[in-house]
PDB file of N, CA and C in Angstrom:
ATOM      1  N   MET A   1     -43.672-139.021  18.704  1.00  0.00           N
ATOM      2  CA  MET A   1     -43.660-138.796  20.143  1.00  0.00           C
ATOM      3  C   MET A   1     -44.971-139.315  20.726  1.00  0.00           C
ATOM      4  N   GLU A   2     -44.878-140.022  21.809  1.00  0.00           N
ATOM      5  CA  GLU A   2     -46.064-140.568  22.441  1.00  0.00           C
ATOM      6  C   GLU A   2     -46.848-139.473  23.157  1.00  0.00           C
ATOM      7  N   GLN A   3     -48.125-139.733  23.361  1.00  0.00           N
ATOM      8  CA  GLN A   3     -49.011-138.737  23.968  1.00  0.00           C
ATOM      9  C   GLN A   3     -48.526-138.266  25.333  1.00  0.00           C
ATOM     10  N   HIS A   4     -48.049-139.179  26.202  1.00  0.00           N
ATOM     11  CA  HIS A   4     -47.629-138.745  27.535  1.00  0.00           C
ATOM     12  C   HIS A   4     -46.408-137.842  27.475  1.00  0.00           C
ATOM     13  N   ASN A   5     -45.569-138.002  26.465  1.00  0.00           N
ATOM     14  CA  ASN A   5     -44.428-137.096  26.325  1.00  0.00           C
ATOM     15  C   ASN A   5     -44.908-135.696  25.954  1.00  0.00           C
ATOM     16  N   ILE A   6     -45.890-135.614  25.081  1.00  0.00           N
ATOM     17  CA  ILE A   6     -46.448-134.318  24.691  1.00  0.00           C
ATOM     18  C   ILE A   6     -47.111-133.658  25.902  1.00  0.00           C
ATOM     19  N   THR A   7     -47.871-134.428  26.643  1.00  0.00           N
ATOM     20  CA  THR A   7     -48.562-133.895  27.812  1.00  0.00           C
ATOM     21  C   THR A   7     -47.565-133.387  28.846  1.00  0.00           C
ATOM     22  N   GLY A   8     -46.539-134.160  29.116  1.00  0.00           N
ATOM     23  CA  GLY A   8     -45.522-133.748  30.077  1.00  0.00           C
ATOM     24  C   GLY A   8     -44.806-132.483  29.655  1.00  0.00           C
ATOM     25  N   LYS A   9     -44.455-132.404  28.385  1.00  0.00           N
ATOM     26  CA  LYS A   9     -43.778-131.207  27.882  1.00  0.00           C
ATOM     27  C   LYS A   9     -44.696-129.988  27.944  1.00  0.00           C
ATOM     28  N   LEU A  10     -45.983-130.199  27.669  1.00  0.00           N
ATOM     29  CA  LEU A  10     -46.935-129.097  27.763  1.00  0.00           C
ATOM     30  C   LEU A  10     -47.065-128.613  29.203  1.00  0.00           C
ATOM     31  N   ILE A  11     -47.168-129.545  30.140  1.00  0.00           N
ATOM     32  CA  ILE A  11     -47.239-129.170  31.557  1.00  0.00           C
ATOM     33  C   ILE A  11     -45.998-128.382  31.955  1.00  0.00           C
ATOM     34  N   GLU A  12     -44.839-128.881  31.571  1.00  0.00           N
ATOM     35  CA  GLU A  12     -43.591-128.198  31.910  1.00  0.00           C
ATOM     36  C   GLU A  12     -43.535-126.802  31.293  1.00  0.00           C
ATOM     37  N   TYR A  13     -43.924-126.673  30.034  1.00  0.00           N
ATOM     38  CA  TYR A  13     -43.890-125.380  29.352  1.00  0.00           C
ATOM     39  C   TYR A  13     -44.807-124.367  30.043  1.00  0.00           C
ATOM     40  N   VAL A  14     -46.046-124.766  30.274  1.00  0.00           N
ATOM     41  CA  VAL A  14     -47.010-123.848  30.890  1.00  0.00           C
ATOM     42  C   VAL A  14     -46.568-123.484  32.306  1.00  0.00           C
ATOM     43  N   ARG A  15     -46.067-124.471  33.043  1.00  0.00           N
ATOM     44  CA  ARG A  15     -45.613-124.222  34.416  1.00  0.00           C
ATOM     45  C   ARG A  15     -44.471-123.218  34.435  1.00  0.00           C
ATOM     46  N   THR A  16     -43.490-123.396  33.563  1.00  0.00           N
ATOM     47  CA  THR A  16     -42.344-122.484  33.564  1.00  0.00           C
ATOM     48  C   THR A  16     -42.719-121.102  33.029  1.00  0.00           C
ATOM     49  N   GLU A  17     -43.599-121.045  32.041  1.00  0.00           N
ATOM     50  CA  GLU A  17     -44.050-119.744  31.529  1.00  0.00           C
ATOM     51  C   GLU A  17     -44.810-118.963  32.601  1.00  0.00           C
ATOM     52  N   ALA A  18     -45.527-119.679  33.448  1.00  0.00           N
ATOM     53  CA  ALA A  18     -46.281-119.042  34.537  1.00  0.00           C
ATOM     54  C   ALA A  18     -45.402-118.807  35.761  1.00  0.00           C
ATOM     55  N   ASN A  19     -44.130-119.230  35.665  1.00  0.00           N
ATOM     56  CA  ASN A  19     -43.178-119.062  36.760  1.00  0.00           C
ATOM     57  C   ASN A  19     -43.669-119.736  38.048  1.00  0.00           C
ATOM     58  N   ILE A  20     -44.138-120.976  37.879  1.00  0.00           N
ATOM     59  CA  ILE A  20     -44.623-121.769  39.005  1.00  0.00           C
ATOM     60  C   ILE A  20     -43.658-122.925  39.219  1.00  0.00           C
ATOM     61  N   SER A  21     -43.264-123.153  40.454  1.00  0.00           N
ATOM     62  CA  SER A  21     -42.371-124.276  40.748  1.00  0.00           C
ATOM     63  C   SER A  21     -43.150-125.582  40.730  1.00  0.00           C
ATOM     64  N   ARG A  22     -42.425-126.676  40.626  1.00  0.00           N
ATOM     65  CA  ARG A  22     -43.078-127.984  40.702  1.00  0.00           C
ATOM     66  C   ARG A  22     -43.797-128.148  42.034  1.00  0.00           C
ATOM     67  N   GLY A  23     -43.161-127.689  43.098  1.00  0.00           N
ATOM     68  CA  GLY A  23     -43.758-127.795  44.425  1.00  0.00           C
ATOM     69  C   GLY A  23     -45.079-127.053  44.533  1.00  0.00           C
ATOM     70  N   GLU A  24     -45.127-125.869  43.945  1.00  0.00           N
ATOM     71  CA  GLU A  24     -46.369-125.091  43.978  1.00  0.00           C
ATOM     72  C   GLU A  24     -47.466-125.762  43.156  1.00  0.00           C
ATOM     73  N   LEU A  25     -47.100-126.277  42.000  1.00  0.00           N
ATOM     74  CA  LEU A  25     -48.093-126.886  41.115  1.00  0.00           C
ATOM     75  C   LEU A  25     -48.687-128.155  41.706  1.00  0.00           C
ATOM     76  N   CYS A  26     -47.869-128.969  42.321  1.00  0.00           N
ATOM     77  CA  CYS A  26     -48.374-130.271  42.776  1.00  0.00           C
ATOM     78  C   CYS A  26     -48.773-130.288  44.242  1.00  0.00           C
ATOM     79  N   ARG A  27     -48.728-129.165  44.916  1.00  0.00           N
ATOM     80  CA  ARG A  27     -49.087-129.111  46.341  1.00  0.00           C
ATOM     81  C   ARG A  27     -50.479-129.708  46.569  1.00  0.00           C
ATOM     82  N   GLY A  28     -50.523-130.762  47.351  1.00  0.00           N
ATOM     83  CA  GLY A  28     -51.777-131.414  47.678  1.00  0.00           C
ATOM     84  C   GLY A  28     -52.281-132.386  46.641  1.00  0.00           C
ATOM     85  N   LEU A  29     -51.592-132.491  45.508  1.00  0.00           N
ATOM     86  CA  LEU A  29     -52.047-133.379  44.435  1.00  0.00           C
ATOM     87  C   LEU A  29     -51.144-134.589  44.236  1.00  0.00           C
ATOM     88  N   CYS A  30     -49.843-134.342  44.179  1.00  0.00           N
ATOM     89  CA  CYS A  30     -48.876-135.413  43.937  1.00  0.00           C
ATOM     90  C   CYS A  30     -47.512-134.935  44.437  1.00  0.00           C
ATOM     91  N   SER A  31     -46.524-135.809  44.357  1.00  0.00           N
ATOM     92  CA  SER A  31     -45.182-135.415  44.795  1.00  0.00           C
ATOM     93  C   SER A  31     -44.456-134.665  43.679  1.00  0.00           C
ATOM     94  N   ARG A  32     -43.469-133.887  44.065  1.00  0.00           N
ATOM     95  CA  ARG A  32     -42.639-133.195  43.071  1.00  0.00           C
ATOM     96  C   ARG A  32     -41.906-134.189  42.187  1.00  0.00           C
ATOM     97  N   ALA A  33     -41.477-135.299  42.778  1.00  0.00           N
ATOM     98  CA  ALA A  33     -40.770-136.328  42.010  1.00  0.00           C
ATOM     99  C   ALA A  33     -41.679-136.918  40.936  1.00  0.00           C
ATOM    100  N   PHE A  34     -42.933-137.168  41.286  1.00  0.00           N
ATOM    101  CA  PHE A  34     -43.873-137.707  40.300  1.00  0.00           C
ATOM    102  C   PHE A  34     -44.072-136.719  39.160  1.00  0.00           C
ATOM    103  N   LEU A  35     -44.263-135.445  39.479  1.00  0.00           N
ATOM    104  CA  LEU A  35     -44.445-134.426  38.448  1.00  0.00           C
ATOM    105  C   LEU A  35     -43.220-134.341  37.553  1.00  0.00           C
ATOM    106  N   ALA A  36     -42.041-134.426  38.131  1.00  0.00           N
ATOM    107  CA  ALA A  36     -40.817-134.400  37.331  1.00  0.00           C
ATOM    108  C   ALA A  36     -40.782-135.575  36.358  1.00  0.00           C
ATOM    109  N   ARG A  37     -41.210-136.749  36.820  1.00  0.00           N
ATOM    110  CA  ARG A  37     -41.240-137.929  35.945  1.00  0.00           C
ATOM    111  C   ARG A  37     -42.256-137.759  34.818  1.00  0.00           C
ATOM    112  N   VAL A  38     -43.383-137.140  35.114  1.00  0.00           N
ATOM    113  CA  VAL A  38     -44.394-136.880  34.077  1.00  0.00           C
ATOM    114  C   VAL A  38     -43.809-135.933  33.033  1.00  0.00           C
ATOM    115  N   GLU A  39     -43.170-134.859  33.485  1.00  0.00           N
ATOM    116  CA  GLU A  39     -42.596-133.890  32.565  1.00  0.00           C
ATOM    117  C   GLU A  39     -41.512-134.505  31.699  1.00  0.00           C
ATOM    118  N   LYS A  40     -40.778-135.470  32.226  1.00  0.00           N
ATOM    119  CA  LYS A  40     -39.710-136.156  31.480  1.00  0.00           C
ATOM    120  C   LYS A  40     -40.236-137.271  30.595  1.00  0.00           C
ATOM    121  N   GLY A  41     -41.521-137.589  30.724  1.00  0.00           N
ATOM    122  CA  GLY A  41     -42.097-138.652  29.923  1.00  0.00           C
ATOM    123  C   GLY A  41     -41.874-140.040  30.488  1.00  0.00           C
ATOM    124  N   GLU A  42     -41.426-140.125  31.730  1.00  0.00           N
ATOM    125  CA  GLU A  42     -41.181-141.422  32.357  1.00  0.00           C
ATOM    126  C   GLU A  42     -42.444-141.999  32.969  1.00  0.00           C
ATOM    127  N   ARG A  43     -43.452-141.171  33.227  1.00  0.00           N
ATOM    128  CA  ARG A  43     -44.715-141.603  33.804  1.00  0.00           C
ATOM    129  C   ARG A  43     -45.853-140.988  33.002  1.00  0.00           C
ATOM    130  N   THR A  44     -46.985-141.638  33.058  1.00  0.00           N
ATOM    131  CA  THR A  44     -48.166-141.095  32.346  1.00  0.00           C
ATOM    132  C   THR A  44     -49.121-140.491  33.338  1.00  0.00           C
TER     133      THR A  44
END
C-alpha cells in the first residue's frame, strides 16, 4: 500500500472515531470533496 493510502485511511479512521464530519474537519482548510479523495487514496 502506498503512503498516501495509509495516510488517507488514518485520517478517515481518526475522523470517524472522533465523530467528526468531513465538513467539520476541513472547514477553512480544503473542500469536502478533496478530503474525500485523500481518504480514498485518489489524492495525496
